[in-house]
Amino acid sequence: MLELVNGDEEELPLYASFGDGTKISNETVAAVISTIEQQRKLRSWQQGDLLLVDNMLTSHGRMPYTGQRKIVVYLCK
């Protein structure tokens, strides 16, 4: 992938650094991933369920999904 962005890591789709621009070490990334996996809460969804997420307070994502789904999104400041 680096060849596609002429060796510029900052152009990679999942690039991240500390606020001062310092590169995040692989060990730190591994520790963050491990912590997320340990704290992950999986939920069984049922028809009609609604999820509200505060993007400033919550790390969130989703697992692979198959089947029909309807996504309705409202973004606010």
N, C-alpha and C. Protein backbone atom coordinates (compact mmCIF):
# COMPACT_ATOMS: atom_id res chain seq x y z
N MET A 1 0.81 -1.19 0.00
CA MET A 1 0.00 0.00 0.00
C MET A 1 0.86 1.26 0.00
N LEU A 2 2.01 1.17 0.65
CA LEU A 2 2.89 2.34 0.68
C LEU A 2 3.29 2.78 -0.73
N GLU A 3 3.45 1.83 -1.62
CA GLU A 3 3.79 2.19 -3.00
C GLU A 3 2.69 3.03 -3.64
N LEU A 4 1.45 2.75 -3.28
CA LEU A 4 0.33 3.50 -3.85
C LEU A 4 0.30 4.96 -3.38
N VAL A 5 0.89 5.22 -2.21
CA VAL A 5 0.89 6.59 -1.67
C VAL A 5 2.31 7.17 -1.66
N ASN A 6 3.14 6.65 -2.55
CA ASN A 6 4.53 7.12 -2.69
C ASN A 6 5.30 7.12 -1.36
N GLY A 7 5.06 6.09 -0.53
CA GLY A 7 5.80 5.93 0.72
C GLY A 7 5.36 6.84 1.84
N ASP A 8 4.32 7.63 1.65
CA ASP A 8 3.85 8.57 2.67
C ASP A 8 2.81 7.90 3.57
N GLU A 9 3.25 7.44 4.75
CA GLU A 9 2.35 6.72 5.67
C GLU A 9 1.11 7.53 6.02
N GLU A 10 1.25 8.84 6.11
CA GLU A 10 0.13 9.69 6.50
C GLU A 10 -1.02 9.65 5.49
N GLU A 11 -0.75 9.17 4.28
CA GLU A 11 -1.79 9.06 3.27
C GLU A 11 -2.52 7.73 3.30
N LEU A 12 -2.08 6.81 4.16
CA LEU A 12 -2.76 5.52 4.28
C LEU A 12 -4.13 5.72 4.92
N PRO A 13 -5.12 4.90 4.55
CA PRO A 13 -6.48 5.11 5.04
C PRO A 13 -6.65 4.99 6.55
N LEU A 14 -5.83 4.18 7.21
CA LEU A 14 -5.98 4.00 8.66
C LEU A 14 -4.81 4.59 9.44
N TYR A 15 -4.12 5.56 8.87
CA TYR A 15 -2.98 6.17 9.55
C TYR A 15 -3.45 6.98 10.76
N ALA A 16 -2.70 6.87 11.84
CA ALA A 16 -2.98 7.67 13.04
C ALA A 16 -1.65 8.02 13.70
N SER A 17 -1.64 9.16 14.38
CA SER A 17 -0.45 9.58 15.12
C SER A 17 -0.92 10.29 16.39
N PHE A 18 0.03 10.54 17.28
CA PHE A 18 -0.29 11.33 18.46
C PHE A 18 -0.58 12.77 18.03
N GLY A 19 -1.17 13.55 18.90
CA GLY A 19 -1.54 14.92 18.58
C GLY A 19 -0.39 15.78 18.11
N ASP A 20 0.82 15.47 18.57
CA ASP A 20 1.98 16.26 18.16
C ASP A 20 2.61 15.75 16.87
N GLY A 21 1.97 14.73 16.26
CA GLY A 21 2.48 14.17 15.01
C GLY A 21 3.43 13.00 15.18
N THR A 22 3.81 12.68 16.42
CA THR A 22 4.71 11.56 16.69
C THR A 22 4.04 10.25 16.28
N LYS A 23 4.80 9.38 15.62
CA LYS A 23 4.28 8.08 15.19
C LYS A 23 3.93 7.22 16.40
N ILE A 24 2.86 6.47 16.30
CA ILE A 24 2.44 5.55 17.36
C ILE A 24 3.14 4.22 17.11
N SER A 25 3.83 3.71 18.14
CA SER A 25 4.58 2.46 17.97
C SER A 25 3.65 1.27 17.78
N ASN A 26 4.16 0.23 17.14
CA ASN A 26 3.39 -1.00 16.94
C ASN A 26 2.97 -1.61 18.27
N GLU A 27 3.84 -1.49 19.29
CA GLU A 27 3.51 -2.02 20.62
C GLU A 27 2.32 -1.29 21.22
N THR A 28 2.27 0.03 21.05
CA THR A 28 1.16 0.81 21.59
C THR A 28 -0.13 0.48 20.85
N VAL A 29 -0.05 0.34 19.52
CA VAL A 29 -1.23 -0.04 18.74
C VAL A 29 -1.73 -1.40 19.21
N ALA A 30 -0.83 -2.36 19.42
CA ALA A 30 -1.22 -3.69 19.88
C ALA A 30 -1.89 -3.62 21.25
N ALA A 31 -1.37 -2.76 22.14
CA ALA A 31 -1.97 -2.61 23.47
C ALA A 31 -3.37 -2.02 23.38
N VAL A 32 -3.57 -1.06 22.50
CA VAL A 32 -4.89 -0.44 22.32
C VAL A 32 -5.87 -1.48 21.76
N ILE A 33 -5.46 -2.22 20.76
CA ILE A 33 -6.32 -3.24 20.17
C ILE A 33 -6.69 -4.29 21.21
N SER A 34 -5.72 -4.71 22.01
CA SER A 34 -5.98 -5.70 23.06
C SER A 34 -6.99 -5.17 24.08
N THR A 35 -6.82 -3.92 24.47
CA THR A 35 -7.75 -3.32 25.44
C THR A 35 -9.15 -3.23 24.87
N ILE A 36 -9.27 -2.82 23.61
CA ILE A 36 -10.58 -2.75 22.97
C ILE A 36 -11.23 -4.13 22.95
N GLU A 37 -10.47 -5.15 22.58
CA GLU A 37 -11.02 -6.51 22.53
C GLU A 37 -11.48 -6.98 23.91
N GLN A 38 -10.73 -6.63 24.95
CA GLN A 38 -11.10 -7.03 26.31
C GLN A 38 -12.35 -6.31 26.81
N GLN A 39 -12.56 -5.08 26.37
CA GLN A 39 -13.68 -4.28 26.85
C GLN A 39 -14.91 -4.33 25.94
N ARG A 40 -14.78 -5.00 24.82
CA ARG A 40 -15.86 -5.04 23.83
C ARG A 40 -17.12 -5.67 24.43
N LYS A 41 -18.24 -5.06 24.14
CA LYS A 41 -19.55 -5.56 24.58
C LYS A 41 -20.34 -5.91 23.34
N LEU A 42 -20.67 -7.19 23.20
CA LEU A 42 -21.46 -7.65 22.06
C LEU A 42 -22.93 -7.71 22.47
N ARG A 43 -23.79 -7.28 21.60
CA ARG A 43 -25.21 -7.28 21.89
C ARG A 43 -25.95 -8.09 20.83
N SER A 44 -27.01 -8.75 21.26
CA SER A 44 -27.91 -9.42 20.32
C SER A 44 -28.97 -8.40 19.92
N TRP A 45 -29.05 -8.14 18.62
CA TRP A 45 -30.01 -7.16 18.14
C TRP A 45 -31.35 -7.81 17.86
N GLN A 46 -32.41 -7.05 18.11
CA GLN A 46 -33.76 -7.49 17.80
C GLN A 46 -34.43 -6.40 16.97
N GLN A 47 -35.41 -6.79 16.19
CA GLN A 47 -36.12 -5.83 15.35
C GLN A 47 -36.63 -4.67 16.21
N GLY A 48 -36.39 -3.47 15.73
CA GLY A 48 -36.85 -2.27 16.43
C GLY A 48 -35.82 -1.67 17.37
N ASP A 49 -34.68 -2.34 17.57
CA ASP A 49 -33.64 -1.81 18.45
C ASP A 49 -33.08 -0.51 17.87
N LEU A 50 -32.67 0.38 18.75
CA LEU A 50 -32.12 1.67 18.39
C LEU A 50 -30.82 1.87 19.16
N LEU A 51 -29.80 2.39 18.50
CA LEU A 51 -28.53 2.64 19.15
C LEU A 51 -28.18 4.11 19.00
N LEU A 52 -27.89 4.77 20.11
CA LEU A 52 -27.41 6.15 20.12
C LEU A 52 -25.97 6.12 20.61
N VAL A 53 -25.07 6.80 19.91
CA VAL A 53 -23.65 6.77 20.24
C VAL A 53 -23.13 8.19 20.35
N ASP A 54 -22.44 8.49 21.44
CA ASP A 54 -21.73 9.76 21.58
C ASP A 54 -20.32 9.52 21.04
N ASN A 55 -20.03 10.05 19.85
CA ASN A 55 -18.75 9.80 19.21
C ASN A 55 -17.57 10.36 19.98
N MET A 56 -17.79 11.29 20.88
CA MET A 56 -16.69 11.87 21.65
C MET A 56 -16.36 11.01 22.88
N LEU A 57 -17.28 10.19 23.32
CA LEU A 57 -17.07 9.41 24.54
C LEU A 57 -16.94 7.91 24.32
N THR A 58 -17.25 7.43 23.13
CA THR A 58 -17.36 6.00 22.90
C THR A 58 -16.56 5.55 21.69
N SER A 59 -15.79 4.51 21.86
CA SER A 59 -15.17 3.84 20.72
C SER A 59 -16.20 2.83 20.23
N HIS A 60 -16.49 2.83 18.95
CA HIS A 60 -17.52 1.93 18.47
C HIS A 60 -17.18 1.40 17.09
N GLY A 61 -17.81 0.32 16.74
CA GLY A 61 -17.61 -0.31 15.45
C GLY A 61 -18.65 -1.39 15.28
N ARG A 62 -18.45 -2.22 14.30
CA ARG A 62 -19.38 -3.34 14.13
C ARG A 62 -18.62 -4.54 13.63
N MET A 63 -19.16 -5.69 13.93
CA MET A 63 -18.61 -6.94 13.47
C MET A 63 -19.16 -7.23 12.08
N PRO A 64 -18.55 -8.17 11.34
CA PRO A 64 -19.10 -8.53 10.03
C PRO A 64 -20.57 -8.91 10.14
N TYR A 65 -21.31 -8.55 9.12
CA TYR A 65 -22.76 -8.71 9.16
C TYR A 65 -23.26 -9.27 7.84
N THR A 66 -24.23 -10.15 7.90
CA THR A 66 -24.90 -10.64 6.70
C THR A 66 -26.40 -10.48 6.89
N GLY A 67 -27.11 -10.40 5.81
CA GLY A 67 -28.56 -10.25 5.89
C GLY A 67 -28.98 -8.83 5.59
N GLN A 68 -30.29 -8.61 5.61
CA GLN A 68 -30.82 -7.28 5.34
C GLN A 68 -30.68 -6.40 6.57
N ARG A 69 -30.46 -5.11 6.32
CA ARG A 69 -30.46 -4.16 7.41
C ARG A 69 -30.86 -2.80 6.87
N LYS A 70 -31.36 -1.98 7.75
CA LYS A 70 -31.74 -0.62 7.39
C LYS A 70 -30.98 0.31 8.33
N ILE A 71 -30.24 1.23 7.75
CA ILE A 71 -29.47 2.18 8.54
C ILE A 71 -30.12 3.55 8.40
N VAL A 72 -30.44 4.14 9.53
CA VAL A 72 -30.97 5.49 9.56
C VAL A 72 -30.01 6.29 10.44
N VAL A 73 -29.47 7.37 9.91
CA VAL A 73 -28.44 8.12 10.63
C VAL A 73 -28.87 9.56 10.81
N TYR A 74 -28.65 10.08 12.01
CA TYR A 74 -28.86 11.48 12.31
C TYR A 74 -27.60 11.98 13.00
N LEU A 75 -26.91 12.93 12.40
CA LEU A 75 -25.69 13.47 12.99
C LEU A 75 -25.98 14.87 13.51
N CYS A 76 -25.53 15.14 14.72
CA CYS A 76 -25.73 16.48 15.28
C CYS A 76 -24.48 16.93 16.00
N LYS A 77 -24.36 18.22 16.20
CA LYS A 77 -23.22 18.78 16.92
C LYS A 77 -23.51 18.89 18.38
